Protein backbone atom coordinates (compact mmCIF):
# COMPACT_ATOMS: atom_id res chain seq x y z
CA MET A 1 9.09 -32.98 -44.92
CA GLN A 2 6.80 -35.61 -43.41
CA GLU A 3 7.15 -38.76 -45.53
CA THR A 4 3.45 -39.30 -46.33
CA ARG A 5 3.06 -35.63 -47.25
CA GLU A 6 6.02 -35.93 -49.59
CA ARG A 7 4.42 -38.95 -51.25
CA VAL A 8 1.16 -37.02 -51.64
CA LEU A 9 3.07 -34.26 -53.42
CA ASP A 10 4.84 -36.75 -55.66
CA ALA A 11 1.50 -38.27 -56.65
CA LEU A 12 -0.07 -34.88 -57.35
CA THR A 13 2.90 -33.94 -59.53
CA GLU A 14 2.23 -36.90 -61.81
CA GLY A 15 -1.24 -35.64 -62.66
CA PRO A 16 -4.83 -35.63 -61.42
CA VAL A 17 -5.50 -38.27 -58.78
CA THR A 18 -8.62 -38.84 -56.74
CA GLY A 19 -8.77 -39.01 -52.97
CA PRO A 20 -9.67 -42.73 -52.93
CA GLU A 21 -6.82 -43.50 -55.33
CA LEU A 22 -4.38 -41.60 -53.13
CA ALA A 23 -5.64 -43.35 -50.01
CA GLU A 24 -5.19 -46.77 -51.61
CA ARG A 25 -1.78 -45.94 -53.05
CA LEU A 26 -0.44 -44.57 -49.77
CA ASP A 27 -2.30 -47.05 -47.54
CA VAL A 28 -3.92 -44.29 -45.47
CA SER A 29 -7.51 -43.21 -44.87
CA ARG A 30 -9.32 -40.75 -47.14
CA ALA A 31 -9.53 -38.41 -44.14
CA ALA A 32 -5.74 -38.54 -43.82
CA VAL A 33 -5.38 -37.68 -47.52
CA TRP A 34 -7.64 -34.67 -47.06
CA LYS A 35 -5.62 -33.49 -44.03
CA HIS A 36 -2.34 -33.73 -45.95
CA VAL A 37 -3.80 -31.84 -48.91
CA GLU A 38 -5.09 -29.09 -46.62
CA ALA A 39 -1.74 -28.88 -44.84
CA LEU A 40 0.03 -28.47 -48.18
CA ARG A 41 -2.42 -25.75 -49.16
CA GLU A 42 -1.65 -23.95 -45.89
CA ASP A 43 2.04 -24.13 -46.83
CA GLY A 44 1.24 -22.28 -50.05
CA PHE A 45 0.91 -25.12 -52.56
CA ASP A 46 -1.85 -24.48 -55.10
CA ILE A 47 -3.73 -27.78 -55.23
CA ALA A 48 -6.78 -27.75 -57.47
CA SER A 49 -9.59 -30.28 -57.17
CA GLY A 50 -12.04 -31.27 -59.88
CA ASP A 51 -13.90 -34.19 -61.36
CA GLU A 52 -10.65 -35.99 -62.12
CA GLY A 53 -9.26 -35.46 -58.64
CA TYR A 54 -6.49 -33.38 -57.11
CA VAL A 55 -3.71 -31.81 -59.16
CA LEU A 56 -0.71 -29.67 -58.20
CA ALA A 57 -1.21 -26.35 -59.99
CA ALA A 58 1.66 -24.29 -58.54
CA VAL A 59 4.49 -24.42 -56.00
CA PRO A 60 4.98 -21.57 -53.50
CA GLU A 61 7.75 -19.06 -54.20
CA PHE A 62 9.57 -19.75 -50.94
CA GLY A 63 9.31 -21.55 -47.62
CA GLY A 64 10.45 -24.74 -45.94
CA THR A 65 8.14 -27.23 -47.62
CA ALA A 66 8.64 -25.48 -50.94
CA VAL A 67 12.44 -25.83 -50.72
CA GLU A 68 12.16 -29.47 -49.63
CA TYR A 69 9.93 -30.23 -52.63
CA GLY A 70 12.25 -31.54 -55.34
CA LEU A 71 15.39 -31.00 -53.24
CA ASP A 72 18.10 -33.51 -54.16
CA ALA A 73 19.86 -33.37 -50.79
CA PRO A 74 18.98 -35.00 -47.45
CA PHE A 75 18.14 -31.86 -45.47
CA ASP A 76 15.05 -31.03 -43.45
CA VAL A 77 14.17 -27.35 -43.72
CA GLU A 78 12.84 -25.27 -40.85
CA PHE A 79 11.48 -22.00 -42.23
CA HIS A 80 10.83 -18.70 -40.48
CA ASP A 81 9.29 -15.57 -41.95
CA SER A 82 11.48 -13.66 -39.50
CA VAL A 83 14.03 -14.80 -36.94
CA PRO A 84 16.75 -13.03 -34.95
CA SER A 85 19.50 -15.35 -36.21
CA THR A 86 19.41 -18.57 -38.21
CA ASN A 87 22.78 -19.53 -36.71
CA ALA A 88 21.44 -19.11 -33.18
CA ARG A 89 18.42 -21.25 -33.98
CA ALA A 90 20.68 -23.90 -35.57
CA ARG A 91 22.81 -23.96 -32.40
CA ASP A 92 19.65 -24.60 -30.38
CA LEU A 93 18.76 -27.49 -32.68
CA ALA A 94 22.30 -28.84 -32.33
CA ALA A 95 21.88 -28.88 -28.54
CA GLU A 96 18.71 -30.93 -29.06
CA GLY A 97 20.64 -33.51 -31.09
CA ALA A 98 19.41 -32.57 -34.56
CA ALA A 99 21.47 -33.12 -37.71
CA ASP A 100 21.19 -32.32 -41.41
CA VAL A 101 18.78 -29.47 -40.75
CA VAL A 102 18.60 -26.15 -42.60
CA VAL A 103 17.24 -23.12 -40.77
CA LEU A 104 15.93 -20.79 -43.46
CA ALA A 105 14.45 -17.32 -43.09
CA ASP A 106 13.01 -14.58 -45.27
CA GLU A 107 14.37 -12.02 -42.82
CA GLN A 108 16.85 -11.87 -39.94
CA THR A 109 16.52 -9.16 -37.32
CA GLY A 110 19.85 -9.80 -35.58
CA GLY A 111 22.15 -11.27 -38.21
CA ARG A 112 25.88 -11.17 -37.49
CA GLY A 113 28.95 -11.77 -39.61
CA ARG A 114 32.57 -12.53 -38.79
CA LEU A 115 34.07 -10.70 -35.80
CA ASP A 116 30.50 -10.05 -34.62
CA ARG A 117 29.90 -7.47 -37.35
CA GLU A 118 26.30 -6.56 -38.09
CA TRP A 119 24.87 -8.26 -41.18
CA SER A 120 21.83 -6.59 -42.73
CA SER A 121 19.25 -9.26 -43.56
CA PRO A 122 16.06 -7.69 -44.96
CA SER A 123 13.12 -9.53 -46.44
CA GLY A 124 13.79 -10.95 -49.89
CA GLY A 125 17.20 -12.41 -49.16
CA ILE A 126 18.22 -15.99 -48.52
CA TRP A 127 19.37 -16.34 -44.93
CA LEU A 128 20.16 -19.92 -44.00
CA SER A 129 22.21 -22.01 -41.62
CA LEU A 130 23.13 -25.64 -42.21
CA LEU A 131 23.55 -27.90 -39.18
CA VAL A 132 25.73 -30.91 -39.99
CA ARG A 133 27.68 -33.45 -37.97
CA PRO A 134 30.72 -34.40 -40.05
CA ASP A 135 33.09 -37.11 -38.88
CA VAL A 136 36.20 -34.92 -39.01
CA PRO A 137 38.68 -33.45 -36.52
CA PRO A 138 38.12 -29.83 -35.45
CA ALA A 139 41.12 -28.69 -37.49
CA HIS A 140 39.25 -29.63 -40.68
CA ALA A 141 36.14 -27.55 -39.90
CA PRO A 142 37.24 -24.53 -42.03
CA VAL A 143 36.74 -26.59 -45.19
CA PHE A 144 32.98 -26.34 -44.69
CA THR A 145 33.20 -22.55 -44.85
CA LEU A 146 34.93 -22.83 -48.21
CA ALA A 147 32.41 -25.45 -49.35
CA ALA A 148 29.53 -23.07 -48.65
CA ALA A 149 31.26 -20.26 -50.54
CA VAL A 150 31.75 -22.57 -53.53
CA ALA A 151 28.12 -23.72 -53.37
CA VAL A 152 26.80 -20.15 -53.42
CA THR A 153 29.21 -19.16 -56.19
CA ARG A 154 28.14 -22.06 -58.39
CA ALA A 155 24.46 -21.25 -57.86
CA ALA A 156 25.06 -17.57 -58.62
CA ARG A 157 26.98 -18.35 -61.79
CA GLU A 158 24.19 -20.67 -62.93
CA ALA A 159 21.83 -17.71 -62.41
CA GLY A 160 24.00 -15.55 -64.68
CA VAL A 161 26.11 -13.66 -62.13
CA ASP A 162 29.91 -13.56 -62.53
CA ALA A 163 30.50 -14.38 -58.87
CA ARG A 164 33.94 -15.02 -57.38
CA ILE A 165 35.28 -15.93 -53.95
CA LYS A 166 37.40 -13.68 -51.78
CA TRP A 167 39.32 -15.53 -49.08
CA PRO A 168 38.05 -16.99 -46.94
CA ASN A 169 34.28 -16.62 -47.01
CA ASP A 170 32.98 -13.79 -49.20
CA VAL A 171 31.21 -14.27 -52.51
CA VAL A 172 31.75 -11.09 -54.50
CA VAL A 173 30.93 -9.42 -57.80
CA SER A 174 33.19 -6.86 -59.45
CA GLY A 175 31.52 -3.85 -61.03
CA ALA A 176 31.77 -0.16 -61.77
CA SER A 177 31.85 2.25 -58.87
CA ASP A 178 28.73 4.36 -58.49
CA SER A 179 30.33 7.12 -56.46
CA PRO A 180 33.67 8.30 -55.08
CA ALA A 181 32.50 7.23 -51.62
CA GLU A 182 32.52 3.62 -52.76
CA ARG A 183 36.13 3.70 -53.89
CA PRO A 184 38.59 1.88 -51.67
CA ALA A 185 40.99 3.85 -49.51
CA ASP A 186 44.79 4.07 -49.87
CA ASP A 187 46.24 0.96 -51.49
CA VAL A 188 43.22 -1.32 -51.18
CA ALA A 189 41.95 -2.46 -54.56
CA PRO A 190 39.41 -5.08 -55.58
CA PRO A 191 40.17 -7.68 -58.24
CA GLY A 192 39.84 -6.52 -61.84
CA GLU A 193 40.40 -2.87 -60.98
CA ASP A 194 42.54 -0.92 -63.42
CA ALA A 195 45.03 1.80 -62.53
CA GLU A 196 42.23 4.37 -62.49
CA GLY A 197 40.25 2.36 -59.96
CA ASP A 198 37.16 2.00 -62.18
CA GLU A 199 35.83 -1.11 -60.48
CA ILE A 200 34.96 -2.09 -56.96
CA GLU A 201 34.20 -5.39 -55.33
CA ARG A 202 30.66 -5.83 -54.06
CA LYS A 203 29.78 -8.51 -51.52
CA LEU A 204 26.99 -10.81 -52.69
CA ALA A 205 27.13 -13.33 -49.84
CA GLY A 206 29.05 -14.16 -46.70
CA VAL A 207 29.61 -17.29 -44.64
CA LEU A 208 29.94 -17.64 -40.87
CA THR A 209 30.86 -21.06 -39.49
CA GLU A 210 30.56 -22.14 -35.87
CA MET A 211 31.39 -25.51 -34.35
CA GLU A 212 31.54 -27.52 -31.17
CA GLY A 213 33.66 -30.57 -30.60
CA GLU A 214 36.26 -32.43 -28.62
CA ALA A 215 39.99 -32.73 -29.20
CA ASP A 216 39.72 -35.43 -31.84
CA ARG A 217 36.34 -34.92 -33.50
CA VAL A 218 33.68 -32.38 -34.33
CA SER A 219 30.34 -32.67 -32.55
CA TRP A 220 28.51 -30.31 -34.89
CA VAL A 221 29.15 -27.57 -37.42
CA VAL A 222 26.76 -24.72 -38.24
CA VAL A 223 27.45 -23.01 -41.55
CA GLY A 224 25.55 -19.76 -41.79
CA THR A 225 25.15 -18.17 -45.21
CA GLY A 226 23.60 -14.82 -46.04
CA ILE A 227 22.78 -14.18 -49.69
CA ASN A 228 21.54 -10.83 -51.03
CA ALA A 229 18.98 -12.30 -53.37
CA ASN A 230 15.80 -10.36 -54.18
CA VAL A 231 16.78 -7.47 -51.93
CA ASP A 232 16.33 -3.87 -53.03
CA PRO A 233 19.83 -2.33 -52.90
CA ASP A 234 18.29 0.70 -51.20
CA ASP A 235 17.38 -1.56 -48.26
CA LEU A 236 21.07 -2.29 -47.64
CA PRO A 237 23.64 -0.06 -45.92
CA SER A 238 24.90 2.70 -48.23
CA GLU A 239 28.55 2.35 -47.26
CA ALA A 240 30.30 -0.19 -49.49
CA ARG A 241 26.87 -1.27 -50.70
CA PRO A 242 26.80 -5.01 -51.45
CA ALA A 243 25.76 -6.61 -54.70
CA THR A 244 22.31 -8.13 -55.02
CA LEU A 245 21.06 -10.78 -57.42
CA LEU A 246 18.08 -8.52 -58.05
CA ALA A 247 20.33 -5.74 -59.32
CA GLU A 248 22.61 -8.09 -61.27
CA VAL A 249 20.13 -10.29 -63.13
CA GLY A 250 16.66 -9.35 -61.95
CA THR A 251 14.38 -11.32 -59.66
CA VAL A 252 15.58 -14.88 -59.08
CA ASP A 253 13.62 -17.93 -58.01
CA ARG A 254 14.71 -18.12 -54.38
CA ARG A 255 13.35 -21.64 -53.97
CA LEU A 256 15.42 -23.03 -56.84
CA PHE A 257 18.46 -20.95 -55.89
CA THR A 258 18.34 -22.26 -52.31
CA GLN A 259 17.98 -25.82 -53.56
CA ARG A 260 21.04 -25.45 -55.77
CA VAL A 261 23.10 -24.09 -52.86
CA LEU A 262 22.06 -27.00 -50.62
CA GLU A 263 22.66 -29.59 -53.33
CA GLU A 264 26.11 -28.25 -54.17
CA PHE A 265 27.06 -28.06 -50.49
CA ASP A 266 25.87 -31.62 -49.90
CA GLU A 267 28.00 -32.87 -52.79
CA LEU A 268 31.08 -31.02 -51.56
CA ARG A 269 30.78 -32.06 -47.91
CA ARG A 270 30.76 -35.72 -48.95
CA GLU A 271 34.16 -35.27 -50.61
CA PRO A 272 36.07 -32.65 -48.56
CA GLU A 273 39.18 -33.15 -50.68
CA SER A 274 37.25 -31.75 -53.66
CA VAL A 275 36.54 -28.43 -51.95
CA ILE A 276 39.95 -26.78 -52.36
CA PRO A 277 40.25 -27.37 -56.13
CA ALA A 278 36.68 -26.10 -56.54
CA TRP A 279 37.49 -23.03 -54.43
CA ARG A 280 40.62 -22.28 -56.47
CA GLU A 281 38.56 -22.43 -59.67
CA HIS A 282 36.47 -19.45 -58.58
CA ALA A 283 38.98 -17.59 -56.41
CA THR A 284 39.54 -13.89 -56.91
CA THR A 285 42.17 -13.64 -54.16
CA LEU A 286 44.79 -15.90 -55.69
CA GLY A 287 47.32 -13.95 -57.71
CA LYS A 288 46.48 -10.71 -55.92
CA ARG A 289 48.61 -8.68 -53.56
CA VAL A 290 46.94 -8.87 -50.14
CA ARG A 291 47.11 -7.58 -46.62
CA VAL A 292 45.82 -9.96 -43.96
CA ASP A 293 45.24 -8.86 -40.39
CA THR A 294 45.83 -11.94 -38.26
CA PRO A 295 45.87 -12.55 -34.50
CA GLY A 296 49.67 -12.64 -34.79
CA GLY A 297 50.03 -9.43 -36.78
CA GLU A 298 49.79 -8.12 -40.33
CA VAL A 299 50.87 -10.22 -43.31
CA VAL A 300 51.45 -8.46 -46.65
CA GLY A 301 52.39 -10.14 -49.90
CA ASP A 302 51.12 -12.09 -52.89
CA ALA A 303 48.38 -14.69 -52.35
CA VAL A 304 49.77 -17.73 -54.14
CA ASP A 305 47.65 -20.67 -52.98
CA VAL A 306 45.03 -22.08 -50.65
CA GLU A 307 45.77 -25.37 -48.90
CA PHE A 308 43.44 -27.79 -47.13
CA PRO A 309 41.40 -27.09 -45.06
CA GLY A 310 41.43 -23.42 -46.14
CA THR A 311 44.84 -22.01 -45.31
CA LEU A 312 45.91 -19.01 -47.38
CA VAL A 313 49.54 -19.05 -48.52
CA VAL A 314 51.06 -15.57 -48.81
CA ASP A 315 54.46 -14.92 -50.39
CA THR A 316 55.86 -11.88 -48.57
CA GLY A 317 59.01 -11.81 -50.67
CA ASP A 318 61.09 -13.09 -47.78
CA GLU A 319 59.07 -16.19 -46.96
CA ARG A 320 55.80 -17.99 -47.53
CA VAL A 321 53.42 -17.45 -44.64
CA ARG A 322 50.45 -19.74 -44.05
CA VAL A 323 47.42 -17.91 -42.69
CA THR A 324 44.58 -19.87 -41.10
CA ALA A 325 42.40 -16.95 -40.04
CA GLY A 326 42.27 -13.20 -40.58
CA ASP A 327 40.75 -10.26 -42.42
CA CYS A 328 41.99 -10.14 -46.01
CA GLU A 329 42.18 -7.02 -48.17
CA HIS A 330 43.14 -6.91 -51.83
CA LEU A 331 45.82 -4.29 -52.50
CA ARG A 332 46.75 -2.30 -55.55
CA PRO A 333 49.65 -3.92 -57.37
CA ILE A 334 53.07 -2.39 -56.82
CA VAL A 335 54.07 -0.29 -59.84
CA ASP A 336 57.79 0.14 -60.46
């Protein structure tokens, strides 16, 4: 947010203030004050004016300036009502030299997930990509994926959702199956499922991280996060229908939820060594029998740990295999 505009908002938050008082306090002209007030109104801020001056009556439900207002993290927010891909736009900004920018959208028309899978991104969700330039080697970049998953999980749990993390990048909610079509095939089983298969794992959010760098350091990292917030479940694909915050706890304040995700991510990225313990705290994968499809083949066994910067340790019974990338499925436990 432009600095003077932010100071105008801060002054309006404190109570009624006249145009001349604002001009003197900010050392700008009265015309400049009026322009900033009008710009804030155009952004959706309800600014009333009366005999005692201007006062902030209400903050918009969503948008870039709205998210920046009161945000306790050093990110600029670029908002779009609709955009093909927040990650693609963040990559463009990276090429222009930008840093610490969040690309935020109400809707994506071409969202993609891992392995170039389609990601449905209708209006009402929180679709964002963080562009950061961490001073780390490329091998450490996966920790930012885990940091985003932790940030979303913490925000969801604060909102009243029992969210967990499935390795490496899915935030999930376990719940009762609505139909036989939703039940997993063969031996695949979500966490918390009993022998009858009464529960399934619904995906609340996913993370897609991209990076560019040299051999010894990262140039930039884009962490894309898609969160099914106030999305009607009927607007999402019927197969393996994801969870939505709307269905779990009712309508959430997307502005505050987005702020909490950004604040938690900012805290975690400053101390990368704190990410793995935080991830373990909310992990649903650890302790489960898993099958991981990796570039080198299939790994089946018990997920026993995650190591920095995000490596999954799988005990196959014969050895402990360390997996850095792959598709992970939770399996039904072996019954003797």
